[in-house]
């Protein structure tokens, strides 16, 4: 696997993870447990932050590769 292929693979996986995480949020109130909902929202937020970190890192890496082409 080349670096561009790996970047694309990671980008697609991150998108799929984000889409699945978005399905959790609307279901939480139906649990009818405030503490579980609160902790789950906190965890979802933290996971989103970490996922965005990965996306930013691969974006920077991709830009580095693009700058070497010039």
Protein backbone atom coordinates (compact mmCIF):
# COMPACT_ATOMS: atom_id res chain seq x y z
CA UNK A 1 0.00 0.00 0.00
CA UNK A 2 1.37 3.39 -0.94
CA UNK A 3 1.15 6.46 1.29
CA UNK A 4 -1.64 8.05 -0.83
CA UNK A 5 -3.57 4.76 -0.69
CA UNK A 6 -3.11 4.60 3.08
CA UNK A 7 -4.29 8.20 3.46
CA UNK A 8 -7.38 7.48 1.38
CA UNK A 9 -8.05 4.28 3.34
CA UNK A 10 -7.79 6.14 6.67
CA UNK A 11 -9.93 9.00 5.40
CA UNK A 12 -12.70 6.59 4.32
CA UNK A 13 -12.54 4.68 7.61
CA UNK A 14 -12.74 7.93 9.59
CA UNK A 15 -15.78 8.99 7.56
CA UNK A 16 -17.50 5.66 8.24
CA UNK A 17 -16.72 5.88 11.96
CA UNK A 18 -18.15 9.41 12.11
CA UNK A 19 -21.32 8.32 10.32
CA UNK A 20 -21.82 5.46 12.77
CA UNK A 21 -21.18 7.72 15.76
CA UNK A 22 -23.86 10.11 14.50
CA UNK A 23 -26.40 7.29 14.88
CA UNK A 24 -25.68 6.99 18.60
CA UNK A 25 -26.55 10.56 19.59
CA UNK A 26 -30.28 10.52 18.72
CA UNK A 27 -30.77 7.13 20.41
CA UNK A 28 -29.38 8.19 23.79
CA UNK A 29 -32.48 9.96 25.16
CA UNK A 30 -34.48 6.77 24.61
CA UNK A 31 -32.37 5.04 27.25
CA UNK A 32 -34.15 7.25 29.78
CA UNK A 33 -31.07 7.42 31.99
CA UNK A 34 -29.57 10.87 32.47
CA UNK A 35 -26.20 9.68 33.78
CA UNK A 36 -25.69 7.22 30.92
CA UNK A 37 -26.68 9.86 28.40
CA UNK A 38 -24.34 12.44 29.93
CA UNK A 39 -21.35 10.09 30.04
CA UNK A 40 -22.07 8.79 26.55
CA UNK A 41 -22.22 12.31 25.11
CA UNK A 42 -18.93 13.12 26.83
CA UNK A 43 -17.34 9.98 25.36
CA UNK A 44 -18.73 10.72 21.89
CA UNK A 45 -17.25 14.20 22.06
CA UNK A 46 -13.84 12.85 23.08
CA UNK A 47 -13.95 10.26 20.31
CA UNK A 48 -14.83 12.97 17.79
CA UNK A 49 -11.88 15.08 18.94
CA UNK A 50 -9.52 12.12 18.53
CA UNK A 51 -10.94 11.28 15.11
CA UNK A 52 -10.49 14.89 13.98
CA UNK A 53 -6.88 14.77 15.21
CA UNK A 54 -6.22 11.78 12.97
CA UNK A 55 -7.85 13.51 10.00
CA UNK A 56 -5.76 16.66 10.54
CA UNK A 57 -2.55 14.65 10.81
CA UNK A 58 -3.15 12.78 7.56
CA UNK A 59 -4.16 16.04 5.89
CA UNK A 60 -0.85 17.62 6.89
CA UNK A 61 1.02 14.55 5.71
CA UNK A 62 -0.80 14.73 2.38
CA UNK A 63 0.11 18.42 2.00
CA UNK A 64 3.76 17.56 2.69
CA UNK A 65 3.63 15.04 -0.13
CA UNK A 66 2.00 17.59 -2.45
CA UNK A 67 4.65 20.22 -1.70
CA UNK A 68 7.44 17.85 -2.78
CA UNK A 69 5.86 17.66 -6.23
CA UNK A 70 6.55 21.36 -6.86
